[in-house]
Amino acid sequence: MTLLRWAARSAGLVVAGAYFYLMIGEMAAPHSGSPLTLLEWSGIVLLTTAALAMLFAWRWELIAGAISLAALGVQAILIPGSHTYHVVLLIMAIPGTLYCVDWLLRRSVRPAR
């Protein structure tokens, strides 16, 4: 189970790091105009929430993993995207899923008292 936890942490760092790297790059040299619609702003907020939750999951696996998965789920529903876009959201969901599975497995294998 330690391997599963570190797989979740590693995947979370990679996904969150890639997201924040892209966001910093977009803020430094924007390729498009600033977000104008509520849908664009909600997409930014949801993806940022999902990425931050992956980092908070180091401490609070279940809660942060669930928040990350919920934010990505709402993002997938709100933003109609291509097949590739939804594959990227699924890849971003890997750490949250691993965190939740790790938490569930650790809780189900409690030593007898």
PDB file of N, CA and C in Angstrom:
ATOM      1  N   MET A   1       0.810  -1.192   0.000  1.00  0.00           N
ATOM      2  CA  MET A   1       0.000   0.000   0.000  1.00  0.00           C
ATOM      3  C   MET A   1       0.854   1.257   0.000  1.00  0.00           C
ATOM      4  N   THR A   2       2.039   1.156   0.523  1.00  0.00           N
ATOM      5  CA  THR A   2       2.943   2.301   0.467  1.00  0.00           C
ATOM      6  C   THR A   2       3.249   2.653  -0.981  1.00  0.00           C
ATOM      7  N   LEU A   3       3.380   1.628  -1.823  1.00  0.00           N
ATOM      8  CA  LEU A   3       3.638   1.867  -3.245  1.00  0.00           C
ATOM      9  C   LEU A   3       2.481   2.628  -3.884  1.00  0.00           C
ATOM     10  N   LEU A   4       1.260   2.267  -3.536  1.00  0.00           N
ATOM     11  CA  LEU A   4       0.086   2.949  -4.082  1.00  0.00           C
ATOM     12  C   LEU A   4       0.059   4.415  -3.649  1.00  0.00           C
ATOM     13  N   ARG A   5       0.370   4.664  -2.387  1.00  0.00           N
ATOM     14  CA  ARG A   5       0.385   6.047  -1.894  1.00  0.00           C
ATOM     15  C   ARG A   5       1.435   6.876  -2.625  1.00  0.00           C
ATOM     16  N   TRP A   6       2.628   6.306  -2.826  1.00  0.00           N
ATOM     17  CA  TRP A   6       3.666   7.064  -3.517  1.00  0.00           C
ATOM     18  C   TRP A   6       3.385   7.198  -5.010  1.00  0.00           C
ATOM     19  N   ALA A   7       2.677   6.239  -5.577  1.00  0.00           N
ATOM     20  CA  ALA A   7       2.251   6.376  -6.977  1.00  0.00           C
ATOM     21  C   ALA A   7       1.262   7.539  -7.083  1.00  0.00           C
ATOM     22  N   ALA A   8       0.339   7.631  -6.134  1.00  0.00           N
ATOM     23  CA  ALA A   8      -0.625   8.737  -6.127  1.00  0.00           C
ATOM     24  C   ALA A   8       0.087  10.069  -5.946  1.00  0.00           C
ATOM     25  N   ARG A   9       1.015  10.121  -5.020  1.00  0.00           N
ATOM     26  CA  ARG A   9       1.751  11.368  -4.777  1.00  0.00           C
ATOM     27  C   ARG A   9       2.576  11.777  -5.994  1.00  0.00           C
ATOM     28  N   SER A  10       3.261  10.812  -6.594  1.00  0.00           N
ATOM     29  CA  SER A  10       4.079  11.118  -7.771  1.00  0.00           C
ATOM     30  C   SER A  10       3.219  11.598  -8.931  1.00  0.00           C
ATOM     31  N   ALA A  11       2.112  10.892  -9.181  1.00  0.00           N
ATOM     32  CA  ALA A  11       1.212  11.293 -10.263  1.00  0.00           C
ATOM     33  C   ALA A  11       0.610  12.668  -9.971  1.00  0.00           C
ATOM     34  N   GLY A  12       0.279  12.920  -8.711  1.00  0.00           N
ATOM     35  CA  GLY A  12      -0.269  14.224  -8.343  1.00  0.00           C
ATOM     36  C   GLY A  12       0.724  15.346  -8.575  1.00  0.00           C
ATOM     37  N   LEU A  13       1.976  15.103  -8.224  1.00  0.00           N
ATOM     38  CA  LEU A  13       3.000  16.126  -8.457  1.00  0.00           C
ATOM     39  C   LEU A  13       3.206  16.384  -9.942  1.00  0.00           C
ATOM     40  N   VAL A  14       3.207  15.337 -10.730  1.00  0.00           N
ATOM     41  CA  VAL A  14       3.409  15.499 -12.178  1.00  0.00           C
ATOM     42  C   VAL A  14       2.243  16.271 -12.791  1.00  0.00           C
ATOM     43  N   VAL A  15       1.017  15.859 -12.470  1.00  0.00           N
ATOM     44  CA  VAL A  15      -0.154  16.505 -13.059  1.00  0.00           C
ATOM     45  C   VAL A  15      -0.285  17.950 -12.574  1.00  0.00           C
ATOM     46  N   ALA A  16      -0.179  18.179 -11.266  1.00  0.00           N
ATOM     47  CA  ALA A  16      -0.291  19.540 -10.736  1.00  0.00           C
ATOM     48  C   ALA A  16       0.858  20.409 -11.239  1.00  0.00           C
ATOM     49  N   GLY A  17       2.063  19.846 -11.267  1.00  0.00           N
ATOM     50  CA  GLY A  17       3.208  20.602 -11.769  1.00  0.00           C
ATOM     51  C   GLY A  17       3.050  20.998 -13.223  1.00  0.00           C
ATOM     52  N   ALA A  18       2.569  20.079 -14.048  1.00  0.00           N
ATOM     53  CA  ALA A  18       2.349  20.388 -15.465  1.00  0.00           C
ATOM     54  C   ALA A  18       1.275  21.455 -15.622  1.00  0.00           C
ATOM     55  N   TYR A  19       0.203  21.355 -14.836  1.00  0.00           N
ATOM     56  CA  TYR A  19      -0.866  22.347 -14.915  1.00  0.00           C
ATOM     57  C   TYR A  19      -0.345  23.730 -14.529  1.00  0.00           C
ATOM     58  N   PHE A  20       0.343  23.824 -13.397  1.00  0.00           N
ATOM     59  CA  PHE A  20       0.827  25.129 -12.957  1.00  0.00           C
ATOM     60  C   PHE A  20       1.914  25.673 -13.887  1.00  0.00           C
ATOM     61  N   TYR A  21       2.710  24.799 -14.477  1.00  0.00           N
ATOM     62  CA  TYR A  21       3.708  25.229 -15.472  1.00  0.00           C
ATOM     63  C   TYR A  21       3.004  25.864 -16.669  1.00  0.00           C
ATOM     64  N   LEU A  22       1.947  25.219 -17.153  1.00  0.00           N
ATOM     65  CA  LEU A  22       1.191  25.769 -18.279  1.00  0.00           C
ATOM     66  C   LEU A  22       0.506  27.082 -17.907  1.00  0.00           C
ATOM     67  N   MET A  23      -0.040  27.158 -16.696  1.00  0.00           N
ATOM     68  CA  MET A  23      -0.715  28.386 -16.268  1.00  0.00           C
ATOM     69  C   MET A  23       0.267  29.554 -16.144  1.00  0.00           C
ATOM     70  N   ILE A  24       1.433  29.290 -15.594  1.00  0.00           N
ATOM     71  CA  ILE A  24       2.438  30.351 -15.474  1.00  0.00           C
ATOM     72  C   ILE A  24       2.885  30.810 -16.853  1.00  0.00           C
ATOM     73  N   GLY A  25       3.085  29.852 -17.749  1.00  0.00           N
ATOM     74  CA  GLY A  25       3.468  30.202 -19.118  1.00  0.00           C
ATOM     75  C   GLY A  25       2.393  31.011 -19.825  1.00  0.00           C
ATOM     76  N   GLU A  26       1.140  30.667 -19.613  1.00  0.00           N
ATOM     77  CA  GLU A  26       0.034  31.404 -20.236  1.00  0.00           C
ATOM     78  C   GLU A  26      -0.091  32.809 -19.652  1.00  0.00           C
ATOM     79  N   MET A  27       0.179  32.958 -18.357  1.00  0.00           N
ATOM     80  CA  MET A  27       0.116  34.288 -17.760  1.00  0.00           C
ATOM     81  C   MET A  27       1.299  35.151 -18.208  1.00  0.00           C
ATOM     82  N   ALA A  28       2.459  34.535 -18.409  1.00  0.00           N
ATOM     83  CA  ALA A  28       3.649  35.293 -18.803  1.00  0.00           C
ATOM     84  C   ALA A  28       3.557  35.752 -20.258  1.00  0.00           C
ATOM     85  N   ALA A  29       3.074  34.872 -21.124  1.00  0.00           N
ATOM     86  CA  ALA A  29       2.960  35.207 -22.546  1.00  0.00           C
ATOM     87  C   ALA A  29       1.648  34.641 -23.073  1.00  0.00           C
ATOM     88  N   PRO A  30       0.553  35.368 -22.874  1.00  0.00           N
ATOM     89  CA  PRO A  30      -0.760  34.851 -23.255  1.00  0.00           C
ATOM     90  C   PRO A  30      -0.865  34.583 -24.754  1.00  0.00           C
ATOM     91  N   HIS A  31      -1.474  33.439 -25.076  1.00  0.00           N
ATOM     92  CA  HIS A  31      -1.693  33.080 -26.474  1.00  0.00           C
ATOM     93  C   HIS A  31      -3.080  33.504 -26.932  1.00  0.00           C
ATOM     94  N   SER A  32      -3.916  33.820 -25.993  1.00  0.00           N
ATOM     95  CA  SER A  32      -5.254  34.300 -26.311  1.00  0.00           C
ATOM     96  C   SER A  32      -5.593  35.405 -25.326  1.00  0.00           C
ATOM     97  N   GLY A  33      -6.708  36.025 -25.529  1.00  0.00           N
ATOM     98  CA  GLY A  33      -7.116  37.099 -24.632  1.00  0.00           C
ATOM     99  C   GLY A  33      -7.474  36.559 -23.262  1.00  0.00           C
ATOM    100  N   SER A  34      -7.751  37.458 -22.362  1.00  0.00           N
ATOM    101  CA  SER A  34      -8.125  37.042 -21.011  1.00  0.00           C
ATOM    102  C   SER A  34      -9.513  36.402 -21.044  1.00  0.00           C
ATOM    103  N   PRO A  35      -9.812  35.560 -20.064  1.00  0.00           N
ATOM    104  CA  PRO A  35     -11.126  34.917 -20.024  1.00  0.00           C
ATOM    105  C   PRO A  35     -12.230  35.970 -19.921  1.00  0.00           C
ATOM    106  N   LEU A  36     -13.266  35.800 -20.737  1.00  0.00           N
ATOM    107  CA  LEU A  36     -14.336  36.776 -20.754  1.00  0.00           C
ATOM    108  C   LEU A  36     -15.654  36.240 -20.205  1.00  0.00           C
ATOM    109  N   THR A  37     -15.902  34.970 -20.416  1.00  0.00           N
ATOM    110  CA  THR A  37     -17.202  34.425 -20.029  1.00  0.00           C
ATOM    111  C   THR A  37     -17.125  33.701 -18.686  1.00  0.00           C
ATOM    112  N   LEU A  38     -18.293  33.504 -18.105  1.00  0.00           N
ATOM    113  CA  LEU A  38     -18.379  32.764 -16.854  1.00  0.00           C
ATOM    114  C   LEU A  38     -17.904  31.322 -17.048  1.00  0.00           C
ATOM    115  N   LEU A  39     -18.172  30.761 -18.201  1.00  0.00           N
ATOM    116  CA  LEU A  39     -17.742  29.395 -18.493  1.00  0.00           C
ATOM    117  C   LEU A  39     -16.219  29.278 -18.523  1.00  0.00           C
ATOM    118  N   GLU A  40     -15.552  30.271 -19.105  1.00  0.00           N
ATOM    119  CA  GLU A  40     -14.085  30.267 -19.132  1.00  0.00           C
ATOM    120  C   GLU A  40     -13.518  30.397 -17.720  1.00  0.00           C
ATOM    121  N   TRP A  41     -14.092  31.297 -16.933  1.00  0.00           N
ATOM    122  CA  TRP A  41     -13.617  31.478 -15.563  1.00  0.00           C
ATOM    123  C   TRP A  41     -13.877  30.234 -14.723  1.00  0.00           C
ATOM    124  N   SER A  42     -15.033  29.614 -14.928  1.00  0.00           N
ATOM    125  CA  SER A  42     -15.337  28.411 -14.158  1.00  0.00           C
ATOM    126  C   SER A  42     -14.371  27.289 -14.515  1.00  0.00           C
ATOM    127  N   GLY A  43     -13.974  27.196 -15.772  1.00  0.00           N
ATOM    128  CA  GLY A  43     -12.995  26.194 -16.177  1.00  0.00           C
ATOM    129  C   GLY A  43     -11.657  26.395 -15.488  1.00  0.00           C
ATOM    130  N   ILE A  44     -11.226  27.636 -15.414  1.00  0.00           N
ATOM    131  CA  ILE A  44      -9.960  27.951 -14.740  1.00  0.00           C
ATOM    132  C   ILE A  44     -10.050  27.614 -13.256  1.00  0.00           C
ATOM    133  N   VAL A  45     -11.146  28.002 -12.620  1.00  0.00           N
ATOM    134  CA  VAL A  45     -11.320  27.743 -11.187  1.00  0.00           C
ATOM    135  C   VAL A  45     -11.372  26.241 -10.925  1.00  0.00           C
ATOM    136  N   LEU A  46     -12.122  25.498 -11.741  1.00  0.00           N
ATOM    137  CA  LEU A  46     -12.249  24.053 -11.520  1.00  0.00           C
ATOM    138  C   LEU A  46     -10.929  23.320 -11.716  1.00  0.00           C
ATOM    139  N   LEU A  47     -10.188  23.647 -12.765  1.00  0.00           N
ATOM    140  CA  LEU A  47      -8.904  22.972 -12.992  1.00  0.00           C
ATOM    141  C   LEU A  47      -7.882  23.347 -11.927  1.00  0.00           C
ATOM    142  N   THR A  48      -7.886  24.601 -11.501  1.00  0.00           N
ATOM    143  CA  THR A  48      -6.979  25.017 -10.431  1.00  0.00           C
ATOM    144  C   THR A  48      -7.336  24.317  -9.127  1.00  0.00           C
ATOM    145  N   THR A  49      -8.630  24.197  -8.848  1.00  0.00           N
ATOM    146  CA  THR A  49      -9.072  23.475  -7.654  1.00  0.00           C
ATOM    147  C   THR A  49      -8.612  22.024  -7.701  1.00  0.00           C
ATOM    148  N   ALA A  50      -8.774  21.386  -8.855  1.00  0.00           N
ATOM    149  CA  ALA A  50      -8.357  19.986  -9.002  1.00  0.00           C
ATOM    150  C   ALA A  50      -6.853  19.843  -8.789  1.00  0.00           C
ATOM    151  N   ALA A  51      -6.066  20.754  -9.356  1.00  0.00           N
ATOM    152  CA  ALA A  51      -4.608  20.677  -9.215  1.00  0.00           C
ATOM    153  C   ALA A  51      -4.171  20.938  -7.776  1.00  0.00           C
ATOM    154  N   LEU A  52      -4.769  21.926  -7.123  1.00  0.00           N
ATOM    155  CA  LEU A  52      -4.420  22.202  -5.728  1.00  0.00           C
ATOM    156  C   LEU A  52      -4.820  21.045  -4.820  1.00  0.00           C
ATOM    157  N   ALA A  53      -5.971  20.443  -5.096  1.00  0.00           N
ATOM    158  CA  ALA A  53      -6.427  19.317  -4.277  1.00  0.00           C
ATOM    159  C   ALA A  53      -5.437  18.158  -4.361  1.00  0.00           C
ATOM    160  N   MET A  54      -4.791  17.976  -5.512  1.00  0.00           N
ATOM    161  CA  MET A  54      -3.795  16.906  -5.643  1.00  0.00           C
ATOM    162  C   MET A  54      -2.621  17.131  -4.706  1.00  0.00           C
ATOM    163  N   LEU A  55      -2.323  18.373  -4.431  1.00  0.00           N
ATOM    164  CA  LEU A  55      -1.229  18.682  -3.508  1.00  0.00           C
ATOM    165  C   LEU A  55      -1.691  18.546  -2.054  1.00  0.00           C
ATOM    166  N   PHE A  56      -2.912  18.971  -1.769  1.00  0.00           N
ATOM    167  CA  PHE A  56      -3.452  18.830  -0.415  1.00  0.00           C
ATOM    168  C   PHE A  56      -3.699  17.365  -0.049  1.00  0.00           C
ATOM    169  N   ALA A  57      -3.807  16.512  -1.058  1.00  0.00           N
ATOM    170  CA  ALA A  57      -4.065  15.094  -0.803  1.00  0.00           C
ATOM    171  C   ALA A  57      -2.874  14.403  -0.139  1.00  0.00           C
ATOM    172  N   TRP A  58      -1.727  15.031  -0.096  1.00  0.00           N
ATOM    173  CA  TRP A  58      -0.603  14.446   0.635  1.00  0.00           C
ATOM    174  C   TRP A  58      -0.988  14.290   2.101  1.00  0.00           C
ATOM    175  N   ARG A  59      -1.844  15.175   2.591  1.00  0.00           N
ATOM    176  CA  ARG A  59      -2.242  15.138   3.989  1.00  0.00           C
ATOM    177  C   ARG A  59      -3.646  14.560   4.192  1.00  0.00           C
ATOM    178  N   TRP A  60      -4.573  14.961   3.331  1.00  0.00           N
ATOM    179  CA  TRP A  60      -5.967  14.546   3.453  1.00  0.00           C
ATOM    180  C   TRP A  60      -6.370  13.791   2.185  1.00  0.00           C
ATOM    181  N   GLU A  61      -6.007  12.511   2.133  1.00  0.00           N
ATOM    182  CA  GLU A  61      -6.162  11.727   0.913  1.00  0.00           C
ATOM    183  C   GLU A  61      -7.596  11.691   0.394  1.00  0.00           C
ATOM    184  N   LEU A  62      -8.516  11.268   1.223  1.00  0.00           N
ATOM    185  CA  LEU A  62      -9.887  11.063   0.746  1.00  0.00           C
ATOM    186  C   LEU A  62     -10.576  12.376   0.390  1.00  0.00           C
ATOM    187  N   ILE A  63     -10.522  13.343   1.270  1.00  0.00           N
ATOM    188  CA  ILE A  63     -11.228  14.605   1.032  1.00  0.00           C
ATOM    189  C   ILE A  63     -10.663  15.313  -0.196  1.00  0.00           C
ATOM    190  N   ALA A  64      -9.351  15.460  -0.249  1.00  0.00           N
ATOM    191  CA  ALA A  64      -8.731  16.168  -1.369  1.00  0.00           C
ATOM    192  C   ALA A  64      -8.863  15.370  -2.665  1.00  0.00           C
ATOM    193  N   GLY A  65      -8.729  14.052  -2.597  1.00  0.00           N
ATOM    194  CA  GLY A  65      -8.913  13.229  -3.787  1.00  0.00           C
ATOM    195  C   GLY A  65     -10.323  13.355  -4.332  1.00  0.00           C
ATOM    196  N   ALA A  66     -11.308  13.353  -3.442  1.00  0.00           N
ATOM    197  CA  ALA A  66     -12.702  13.500  -3.859  1.00  0.00           C
ATOM    198  C   ALA A  66     -12.970  14.888  -4.434  1.00  0.00           C
ATOM    199  N   ILE A  67     -12.391  15.914  -3.844  1.00  0.00           N
ATOM    200  CA  ILE A  67     -12.560  17.276  -4.366  1.00  0.00           C
ATOM    201  C   ILE A  67     -11.961  17.375  -5.760  1.00  0.00           C
ATOM    202  N   SER A  68     -10.775  16.798  -5.940  1.00  0.00           N
ATOM    203  CA  SER A  68     -10.135  16.811  -7.247  1.00  0.00           C
ATOM    204  C   SER A  68     -11.001  16.105  -8.293  1.00  0.00           C
ATOM    205  N   LEU A  69     -11.506  14.929  -7.950  1.00  0.00           N
ATOM    206  CA  LEU A  69     -12.343  14.185  -8.887  1.00  0.00           C
ATOM    207  C   LEU A  69     -13.654  14.919  -9.168  1.00  0.00           C
ATOM    208  N   ALA A  70     -14.242  15.529  -8.152  1.00  0.00           N
ATOM    209  CA  ALA A  70     -15.481  16.273  -8.349  1.00  0.00           C
ATOM    210  C   ALA A  70     -15.263  17.477  -9.268  1.00  0.00           C
ATOM    211  N   ALA A  71     -14.179  18.218  -9.040  1.00  0.00           N
ATOM    212  CA  ALA A  71     -13.888  19.378  -9.883  1.00  0.00           C
ATOM    213  C   ALA A  71     -13.678  18.957 -11.340  1.00  0.00           C
ATOM    214  N   LEU A  72     -12.965  17.850 -11.550  1.00  0.00           N
ATOM    215  CA  LEU A  72     -12.745  17.381 -12.912  1.00  0.00           C
ATOM    216  C   LEU A  72     -14.037  16.869 -13.541  1.00  0.00           C
ATOM    217  N   GLY A  73     -14.894  16.242 -12.734  1.00  0.00           N
ATOM    218  CA  GLY A  73     -16.178  15.776 -13.243  1.00  0.00           C
ATOM    219  C   GLY A  73     -17.075  16.925 -13.673  1.00  0.00           C
ATOM    220  N   VAL A  74     -17.141  17.965 -12.847  1.00  0.00           N
ATOM    221  CA  VAL A  74     -17.935  19.140 -13.206  1.00  0.00           C
ATOM    222  C   VAL A  74     -17.345  19.802 -14.446  1.00  0.00           C
ATOM    223  N   GLN A  75     -16.031  19.852 -14.526  1.00  0.00           N
ATOM    224  CA  GLN A  75     -15.358  20.418 -15.701  1.00  0.00           C
ATOM    225  C   GLN A  75     -15.743  19.653 -16.955  1.00  0.00           C
ATOM    226  N   ALA A  76     -15.765  18.333 -16.877  1.00  0.00           N
ATOM    227  CA  ALA A  76     -16.105  17.515 -18.040  1.00  0.00           C
ATOM    228  C   ALA A  76     -17.547  17.734 -18.466  1.00  0.00           C
ATOM    229  N   ILE A  77     -18.431  17.983 -17.504  1.00  0.00           N
ATOM    230  CA  ILE A  77     -19.839  18.219 -17.829  1.00  0.00           C
ATOM    231  C   ILE A  77     -20.059  19.623 -18.400  1.00  0.00           C
ATOM    232  N   LEU A  78     -19.423  20.624 -17.802  1.00  0.00           N
ATOM    233  CA  LEU A  78     -19.639  22.013 -18.213  1.00  0.00           C
ATOM    234  C   LEU A  78     -19.010  22.369 -19.548  1.00  0.00           C
ATOM    235  N   ILE A  79     -17.818  21.883 -19.785  1.00  0.00           N
ATOM    236  CA  ILE A  79     -17.064  22.292 -20.969  1.00  0.00           C
ATOM    237  C   ILE A  79     -17.170  21.214 -22.038  1.00  0.00           C
ATOM    238  N   PRO A  80     -17.904  21.478 -23.098  1.00  0.00           N
ATOM    239  CA  PRO A  80     -17.940  20.491 -24.179  1.00  0.00           C
ATOM    240  C   PRO A  80     -16.606  20.538 -24.923  1.00  0.00           C
ATOM    241  N   GLY A  81     -15.912  19.463 -24.909  1.00  0.00           N
ATOM    242  CA  GLY A  81     -14.602  19.427 -25.550  1.00  0.00           C
ATOM    243  C   GLY A  81     -14.485  18.239 -26.467  1.00  0.00           C
ATOM    244  N   SER A  82     -13.360  18.146 -27.089  1.00  0.00           N
ATOM    245  CA  SER A  82     -13.099  17.040 -27.997  1.00  0.00           C
ATOM    246  C   SER A  82     -12.787  15.771 -27.201  1.00  0.00           C
ATOM    247  N   HIS A  83     -12.671  14.688 -27.911  1.00  0.00           N
ATOM    248  CA  HIS A  83     -12.287  13.414 -27.289  1.00  0.00           C
ATOM    249  C   HIS A  83     -10.942  13.565 -26.580  1.00  0.00           C
ATOM    250  N   THR A  84     -10.008  14.245 -27.224  1.00  0.00           N
ATOM    251  CA  THR A  84      -8.675  14.446 -26.651  1.00  0.00           C
ATOM    252  C   THR A  84      -8.760  15.221 -25.343  1.00  0.00           C
ATOM    253  N   TYR A  85      -9.623  16.218 -25.286  1.00  0.00           N
ATOM    254  CA  TYR A  85      -9.789  17.018 -24.074  1.00  0.00           C
ATOM    255  C   TYR A  85     -10.257  16.149 -22.913  1.00  0.00           C
ATOM    256  N   HIS A  86     -11.205  15.269 -23.179  1.00  0.00           N
ATOM    257  CA  HIS A  86     -11.709  14.415 -22.115  1.00  0.00           C
ATOM    258  C   HIS A  86     -10.698  13.341 -21.717  1.00  0.00           C
ATOM    259  N   VAL A  87      -9.845  12.933 -22.631  1.00  0.00           N
ATOM    260  CA  VAL A  87      -8.761  12.017 -22.278  1.00  0.00           C
ATOM    261  C   VAL A  87      -7.790  12.719 -21.321  1.00  0.00           C
ATOM    262  N   VAL A  88      -7.511  13.982 -21.570  1.00  0.00           N
ATOM    263  CA  VAL A  88      -6.642  14.749 -20.675  1.00  0.00           C
ATOM    264  C   VAL A  88      -7.272  14.857 -19.288  1.00  0.00           C
ATOM    265  N   LEU A  89      -8.587  15.084 -19.223  1.00  0.00           N
ATOM    266  CA  LEU A  89      -9.257  15.135 -17.922  1.00  0.00           C
ATOM    267  C   LEU A  89      -9.172  13.785 -17.216  1.00  0.00           C
ATOM    268  N   LEU A  90      -9.281  12.695 -17.969  1.00  0.00           N
ATOM    269  CA  LEU A  90      -9.129  11.364 -17.356  1.00  0.00           C
ATOM    270  C   LEU A  90      -7.727  11.159 -16.809  1.00  0.00           C
ATOM    271  N   ILE A  91      -6.733  11.630 -17.532  1.00  0.00           N
ATOM    272  CA  ILE A  91      -5.348  11.527 -17.055  1.00  0.00           C
ATOM    273  C   ILE A  91      -5.178  12.362 -15.785  1.00  0.00           C
ATOM    274  N   MET A  92      -5.799  13.550 -15.768  1.00  0.00           N
ATOM    275  CA  MET A  92      -5.723  14.386 -14.568  1.00  0.00           C
ATOM    276  C   MET A  92      -6.440  13.739 -13.385  1.00  0.00           C
ATOM    277  N   ALA A  93      -7.376  12.839 -13.650  1.00  0.00           N
ATOM    278  CA  ALA A  93      -8.132  12.176 -12.582  1.00  0.00           C
ATOM    279  C   ALA A  93      -7.380  11.003 -11.960  1.00  0.00           C
ATOM    280  N   ILE A  94      -6.296  10.575 -12.575  1.00  0.00           N
ATOM    281  CA  ILE A  94      -5.552   9.415 -12.061  1.00  0.00           C
ATOM    282  C   ILE A  94      -5.084   9.625 -10.616  1.00  0.00           C
ATOM    283  N   PRO A  95      -4.440  10.755 -10.278  1.00  0.00           N
ATOM    284  CA  PRO A  95      -3.988  10.915  -8.893  1.00  0.00           C
ATOM    285  C   PRO A  95      -5.132  10.905  -7.883  1.00  0.00           C
ATOM    286  N   GLY A  96      -6.225  11.595  -8.177  1.00  0.00           N
ATOM    287  CA  GLY A  96      -7.359  11.612  -7.257  1.00  0.00           C
ATOM    288  C   GLY A  96      -7.931  10.224  -7.041  1.00  0.00           C
ATOM    289  N   THR A  97      -8.006   9.454  -8.107  1.00  0.00           N
ATOM    290  CA  THR A  97      -8.487   8.080  -8.007  1.00  0.00           C
ATOM    291  C   THR A  97      -7.545   7.243  -7.154  1.00  0.00           C
ATOM    292  N   LEU A  98      -6.252   7.379  -7.388  1.00  0.00           N
ATOM    293  CA  LEU A  98      -5.267   6.617  -6.605  1.00  0.00           C
ATOM    294  C   LEU A  98      -5.315   6.993  -5.126  1.00  0.00           C
ATOM    295  N   TYR A  99      -5.476   8.285  -4.841  1.00  0.00           N
ATOM    296  CA  TYR A  99      -5.576   8.718  -3.444  1.00  0.00           C
ATOM    297  C   TYR A  99      -6.793   8.097  -2.763  1.00  0.00           C
ATOM    298  N   CYS A 100      -7.928   8.114  -3.448  1.00  0.00           N
ATOM    299  CA  CYS A 100      -9.155   7.546  -2.856  1.00  0.00           C
ATOM    300  C   CYS A 100      -9.027   6.034  -2.661  1.00  0.00           C
ATOM    301  N   VAL A 101      -8.463   5.342  -3.635  1.00  0.00           N
ATOM    302  CA  VAL A 101      -8.275   3.893  -3.515  1.00  0.00           C
ATOM    303  C   VAL A 101      -7.308   3.580  -2.379  1.00  0.00           C
ATOM    304  N   ASP A 102      -6.233   4.347  -2.275  1.00  0.00           N
ATOM    305  CA  ASP A 102      -5.268   4.143  -1.190  1.00  0.00           C
ATOM    306  C   ASP A 102      -5.942   4.323   0.164  1.00  0.00           C
ATOM    307  N   TRP A 103      -6.730   5.373   0.310  1.00  0.00           N
ATOM    308  CA  TRP A 103      -7.413   5.620   1.575  1.00  0.00           C
ATOM    309  C   TRP A 103      -8.367   4.481   1.899  1.00  0.00           C
ATOM    310  N   LEU A 104      -9.131   4.032   0.917  1.00  0.00           N
ATOM    311  CA  LEU A 104     -10.085   2.942   1.150  1.00  0.00           C
ATOM    312  C   LEU A 104      -9.376   1.641   1.522  1.00  0.00           C
ATOM    313  N   LEU A 105      -8.277   1.341   0.843  1.00  0.00           N
ATOM    314  CA  LEU A 105      -7.549   0.108   1.152  1.00  0.00           C
ATOM    315  C   LEU A 105      -6.918   0.156   2.540  1.00  0.00           C
ATOM    316  N   ARG A 106      -6.371   1.302   2.914  1.00  0.00           N
ATOM    317  CA  ARG A 106      -5.766   1.410   4.242  1.00  0.00           C
ATOM    318  C   ARG A 106      -6.812   1.318   5.340  1.00  0.00           C
ATOM    319  N   ARG A 107      -8.018   1.793   5.091  1.00  0.00           N
ATOM    320  CA  ARG A 107      -9.073   1.728   6.098  1.00  0.00           C
ATOM    321  C   ARG A 107      -9.673   0.316   6.196  1.00  0.00           C
ATOM    322  N   SER A 108      -9.628  -0.441   5.118  1.00  0.00           N
ATOM    323  CA  SER A 108     -10.219  -1.782   5.137  1.00  0.00           C
ATOM    324  C   SER A 108      -9.276  -2.830   5.732  1.00  0.00           C
ATOM    325  N   VAL A 109      -7.985  -2.505   5.844  1.00  0.00           N
ATOM    326  CA  VAL A 109      -7.001  -3.443   6.374  1.00  0.00           C
ATOM    327  C   VAL A 109      -6.526  -2.946   7.734  1.00  0.00           C
ATOM    328  N   ARG A 110      -7.445  -2.709   8.630  1.00  0.00           N
ATOM    329  CA  ARG A 110      -7.083  -2.298   9.991  1.00  0.00           C
ATOM    330  C   ARG A 110      -6.758  -3.524  10.823  1.00  0.00           C
ATOM    331  N   PRO A 111      -5.749  -3.446  11.644  1.00  0.00           N
ATOM    332  CA  PRO A 111      -5.406  -4.578  12.503  1.00  0.00           C
ATOM    333  C   PRO A 111      -6.498  -4.821  13.557  1.00  0.00           C
ATOM    334  N   ALA A 112      -6.692  -6.078  13.895  1.00  0.00           N
ATOM    335  CA  ALA A 112      -7.681  -6.433  14.918  1.00  0.00           C
ATOM    336  C   ALA A 112      -7.184  -6.018  16.294  1.00  0.00           C
ATOM    337  N   ARG A 113      -8.096  -5.622  17.148  1.00  0.00           N
ATOM    338  CA  ARG A 113      -7.696  -5.182  18.495  1.00  0.00           C
ATOM    339  C   ARG A 113      -7.952  -6.256  19.496  1.00  0.00           C
TER     340      ARG A 113
END
